[in-house]
């Protein structure tokens, strides 16, 4: 992909904002199989295969995770790529973004005090929420609040269309909030099966995520998040 030095940090900050604005979207209050597998409000009512209901019930239990992987973004004729490490729990989030050469370019922390982004040069921008953070760093608000559900392999609350499943009952595609979310591959080494290759596309941007490792067991503390921010 073509690279542009002035666009690199800005597009990564965009993705950071997209990720962080979605961190509160994982619903931890759904406990019954009926609630966990009921599709969000939709303008079309799909027939959900039994295998899909079972898979959605399994991934509904995922409320904390750590991922390591790679991310590529194409927007307005420019492209960037790099590594991403993201640790998420209902209380805290820590995202580290790296350049293609492995240099850490940003650390984003979300906790009860708000959200902050510390860049490679040590400058920190703080805000009350991710939308405000993207307003400060990019100049416009990005009201994306869905990705922490999308990345696990489930739609978020809201209008969803164009459902498609594979023969294992895993979502292969749906459309929400003007984005087409496609799952090209899942990891099936241990249950539940979680996405390993995801493509997010809207008319202006294409985002490709390759998740190399999933860990859905840990809860990380504010201390862990602070340590991540300090490890510049």
Protein backbone atom coordinates (compact mmCIF):
# COMPACT_ATOMS: atom_id res chain seq x y z
CA UNK A 1 0.00 0.00 0.00
CA UNK A 2 1.13 3.54 -0.70
CA UNK A 3 2.43 5.35 2.38
CA UNK A 4 2.29 9.02 3.24
CA UNK A 5 4.24 10.34 6.28
CA UNK A 6 1.72 13.02 7.20
CA UNK A 7 -1.21 10.62 6.99
CA UNK A 8 0.30 7.75 8.94
CA UNK A 9 -0.27 9.02 12.47
CA UNK A 10 -3.64 10.61 11.64
CA UNK A 11 -5.14 7.43 10.21
CA UNK A 12 -3.82 5.41 13.13
CA UNK A 13 -5.37 7.90 15.53
CA UNK A 14 -8.61 7.44 13.65
CA UNK A 15 -8.46 3.70 14.22
CA UNK A 16 -7.53 4.23 17.86
CA UNK A 17 -10.60 6.37 18.27
CA UNK A 18 -12.76 3.80 16.50
CA UNK A 19 -11.50 1.07 18.78
CA UNK A 20 -11.79 3.03 21.98
CA UNK A 21 -15.22 4.42 21.25
CA UNK A 22 -16.43 0.86 20.95
CA UNK A 23 -15.07 -0.39 24.25
CA UNK A 24 -18.26 0.16 26.20
CA UNK A 25 -20.42 -1.69 23.72
CA UNK A 26 -19.89 -5.21 25.08
CA UNK A 27 -23.08 -6.04 26.97
CA UNK A 28 -22.31 -8.01 30.13
CA UNK A 29 -25.88 -8.15 31.43
CA UNK A 30 -27.31 -10.74 29.04
CA UNK A 31 -27.44 -14.09 30.76
CA UNK A 32 -30.01 -16.31 29.06
CA UNK A 33 -29.51 -18.13 25.80
CA UNK A 34 -32.59 -16.44 24.36
CA UNK A 35 -31.24 -12.97 25.15
CA UNK A 36 -27.73 -13.81 23.97
CA UNK A 37 -28.86 -15.11 20.60
CA UNK A 38 -31.65 -12.66 19.81
CA UNK A 39 -30.52 -10.55 16.83
CA UNK A 40 -30.40 -6.76 17.21
CA UNK A 41 -33.17 -4.64 15.79
CA UNK A 42 -33.09 -5.05 12.04
CA UNK A 43 -35.00 -3.88 9.02
CA UNK A 44 -34.96 -7.48 7.83
CA UNK A 45 -35.59 -10.50 10.03
CA UNK A 46 -33.21 -13.29 9.05
CA UNK A 47 -33.69 -16.95 9.80
CA UNK A 48 -30.88 -17.78 12.19
CA UNK A 49 -29.54 -21.32 11.76
CA UNK A 50 -29.32 -23.42 14.97
CA UNK A 51 -25.53 -23.54 14.63
CA UNK A 52 -25.43 -19.73 14.50
CA UNK A 53 -27.59 -19.44 17.61
CA UNK A 54 -25.21 -21.72 19.46
CA UNK A 55 -22.13 -19.83 18.29
CA UNK A 56 -23.61 -16.45 19.22
CA UNK A 57 -24.50 -17.80 22.68
CA UNK A 58 -20.88 -18.89 23.15
CA UNK A 59 -19.27 -15.61 22.10
CA UNK A 60 -21.81 -13.59 24.11
CA UNK A 61 -19.85 -14.73 27.16
CA UNK A 62 -16.70 -12.97 25.93
CA UNK A 63 -16.55 -9.70 27.88
CA UNK A 64 -12.76 -9.38 28.26
CA UNK A 65 -10.01 -10.11 25.79
CA UNK A 66 -6.46 -9.47 24.71
CA UNK A 67 -5.50 -9.54 21.05
CA UNK A 68 -2.28 -9.16 19.14
CA UNK A 69 -2.32 -8.70 15.42
CA UNK A 70 -1.85 -6.53 12.38
CA UNK A 71 -3.96 -3.76 10.93
CA UNK A 72 -4.05 -2.20 7.49
CA UNK A 73 -6.02 0.90 6.55
CA UNK A 74 -6.77 2.44 3.17
CA UNK A 75 -8.44 5.83 2.98
CA UNK A 76 -8.58 8.56 0.35
CA UNK A 77 -5.90 6.93 -1.78
CA UNK A 78 -3.43 6.39 1.06
CA UNK A 79 -2.58 3.25 2.99
CA UNK A 80 -0.90 2.43 6.29
CA UNK A 81 -0.25 -0.77 8.20
CA UNK A 82 1.26 -1.88 11.47
CA UNK A 83 0.77 -3.99 14.57
CA UNK A 84 -1.87 -3.58 17.22
CA UNK A 85 -2.10 -4.89 20.79
CA UNK A 86 -5.45 -4.38 22.52
CA UNK A 87 -6.46 -5.42 26.04
CA UNK A 88 -10.14 -4.92 26.86
CA UNK A 89 -12.27 -5.43 29.95
CA UNK A 90 -15.56 -3.84 30.98
CA UNK A 91 -13.60 -1.40 33.19
CA UNK A 92 -10.36 -0.66 31.33
CA UNK A 93 -8.79 -0.65 27.90
CA UNK A 94 -5.22 -0.36 26.69
CA UNK A 95 -4.28 -0.19 23.01
CA UNK A 96 -0.73 0.00 21.70
CA UNK A 97 -0.15 0.85 18.04
CA UNK A 98 3.10 0.16 16.21
CA UNK A 99 4.60 1.25 12.90
CA UNK A 100 5.56 -1.34 10.26
CA UNK A 101 9.13 -1.16 11.62
CA UNK A 102 7.94 -2.11 15.10
CA UNK A 103 8.21 1.32 16.71
CA UNK A 104 5.46 2.13 19.18
CA UNK A 105 3.65 5.19 17.86
CA UNK A 106 0.76 5.53 20.30
CA UNK A 107 -0.64 4.21 23.58
CA UNK A 108 -4.31 4.69 24.31
CA UNK A 109 -5.74 4.19 27.80
CA UNK A 110 -9.39 4.19 28.83
CA UNK A 111 -10.55 3.93 32.43
CA UNK A 112 -13.03 5.57 34.78
CA UNK A 113 -11.15 8.88 34.47
CA UNK A 114 -11.71 9.07 30.71
CA UNK A 115 -9.51 8.35 27.73
CA UNK A 116 -6.00 9.47 26.83
CA UNK A 117 -3.65 9.03 23.91
CA UNK A 118 0.11 9.32 24.34
CA UNK A 119 2.07 9.65 21.11
CA UNK A 120 5.60 8.58 20.33
CA UNK A 121 7.01 12.00 21.25
CA UNK A 122 5.44 11.82 24.71
CA UNK A 123 2.58 14.23 24.07
CA UNK A 124 -0.66 13.19 25.76
CA UNK A 125 -4.17 14.17 24.69
CA UNK A 126 -7.00 13.50 27.17
CA UNK A 127 -10.76 13.50 26.72
CA UNK A 128 -13.91 12.28 28.41
CA UNK A 129 -14.80 9.90 25.59
CA UNK A 130 -13.45 8.55 22.32
CA UNK A 131 -15.60 10.80 20.15
CA UNK A 132 -14.14 13.87 21.86
CA UNK A 133 -10.63 12.43 21.54
CA UNK A 134 -11.01 12.02 17.80
CA UNK A 135 -12.39 15.55 17.59
CA UNK A 136 -9.25 16.81 19.32
CA UNK A 137 -6.77 14.72 17.32
CA UNK A 138 -8.43 14.65 13.91
CA UNK A 139 -10.75 17.63 13.86
CA UNK A 140 -14.04 15.73 13.55
CA UNK A 141 -16.10 13.36 15.68
CA UNK A 142 -16.30 9.68 14.81
CA UNK A 143 -19.40 8.15 16.41
CA UNK A 144 -18.37 4.53 16.04
CA UNK A 145 -19.38 2.47 19.07
CA UNK A 146 -19.51 -0.99 17.66
CA UNK A 147 -16.10 -2.53 17.11
CA UNK A 148 -15.64 -4.37 20.41
CA UNK A 149 -18.65 -6.45 19.39
CA UNK A 150 -17.71 -6.69 15.72
CA UNK A 151 -14.21 -7.90 16.48
CA UNK A 152 -15.57 -10.81 18.53
CA UNK A 153 -17.86 -11.88 15.70
CA UNK A 154 -21.25 -10.47 16.65
CA UNK A 155 -23.36 -7.47 15.64
CA UNK A 156 -23.76 -4.65 18.14
CA UNK A 157 -27.13 -3.27 19.22
CA UNK A 158 -28.90 -1.37 16.48
CA UNK A 159 -30.11 -1.88 12.94
CA UNK A 160 -28.35 -4.76 11.18
CA UNK A 161 -28.88 -5.98 7.61
CA UNK A 162 -27.46 -8.41 5.06
CA UNK A 163 -26.71 -11.27 7.45
CA UNK A 164 -24.78 -14.25 6.11
CA UNK A 165 -23.41 -17.31 7.91
CA UNK A 166 -20.98 -20.03 6.95
CA UNK A 167 -21.75 -23.74 7.24
CA UNK A 168 -20.46 -23.77 10.84
CA UNK A 169 -22.91 -21.10 11.96
CA UNK A 170 -20.25 -18.40 12.18
CA UNK A 171 -21.11 -14.95 10.85
CA UNK A 172 -19.49 -14.33 7.50
CA UNK A 173 -20.98 -10.90 6.76
CA UNK A 174 -23.42 -8.24 7.93
CA UNK A 175 -23.94 -4.50 7.51
CA UNK A 176 -24.33 -2.00 10.36
CA UNK A 177 -24.01 1.77 10.69
CA UNK A 178 -22.93 2.11 7.07
CA UNK A 179 -20.12 -0.44 7.45
CA UNK A 180 -19.92 -3.84 5.81
CA UNK A 181 -18.24 -6.27 8.20
CA UNK A 182 -16.82 -9.42 6.60
CA UNK A 183 -15.20 -12.36 8.37
CA UNK A 184 -12.79 -14.14 6.10
CA UNK A 185 -11.41 -16.59 8.65
CA UNK A 186 -11.96 -17.83 12.22
CA UNK A 187 -9.57 -19.54 14.59
CA UNK A 188 -11.02 -22.87 15.68
CA UNK A 189 -8.22 -24.21 17.88
CA UNK A 190 -10.23 -23.77 21.06
CA UNK A 191 -13.83 -22.73 21.72
CA UNK A 192 -15.39 -20.37 21.14
CA UNK A 193 -14.30 -19.81 17.55
CA UNK A 194 -13.26 -16.15 17.20
CA UNK A 195 -12.38 -14.17 14.07
CA UNK A 196 -8.79 -14.12 12.83
CA UNK A 197 -9.32 -12.11 9.62
CA UNK A 198 -11.83 -9.26 9.48
CA UNK A 199 -12.53 -6.64 6.84
CA UNK A 200 -14.44 -3.43 7.64
CA UNK A 201 -15.52 -1.30 4.73
CA UNK A 202 -17.52 1.84 4.13
CA UNK A 203 -17.55 4.16 1.08
CA UNK A 204 -14.53 6.11 2.37
CA UNK A 205 -12.38 3.61 4.22
CA UNK A 206 -11.28 -0.01 4.24
CA UNK A 207 -9.82 -1.58 7.39
CA UNK A 208 -8.26 -5.05 7.47
CA UNK A 209 -7.54 -6.76 10.81
CA UNK A 210 -5.50 -9.94 11.13
CA UNK A 211 -5.68 -11.26 14.69
CA UNK A 212 -2.75 -13.52 15.42
CA UNK A 213 -3.63 -14.39 19.01
CA UNK A 214 -6.71 -14.25 21.24
CA UNK A 215 -6.83 -14.47 25.02
CA UNK A 216 -10.33 -14.22 26.49
CA UNK A 217 -9.48 -15.17 30.06
CA UNK A 218 -7.65 -12.23 31.65
CA UNK A 219 -8.95 -9.21 33.51
CA UNK A 220 -6.40 -6.42 33.61
CA UNK A 221 -6.21 -3.68 36.20
CA UNK A 222 -5.73 0.08 36.07
CA UNK A 223 -2.13 -0.57 37.13
CA UNK A 224 -1.60 -2.73 34.04
CA UNK A 225 -3.05 0.01 31.86
CA UNK A 226 -0.83 2.66 33.42
CA UNK A 227 2.22 0.45 32.92
CA UNK A 228 1.36 0.13 29.23
CA UNK A 229 1.15 3.90 28.88
CA UNK A 230 4.53 4.38 30.56
CA UNK A 231 6.30 1.79 28.41
CA UNK A 232 7.09 4.24 25.63
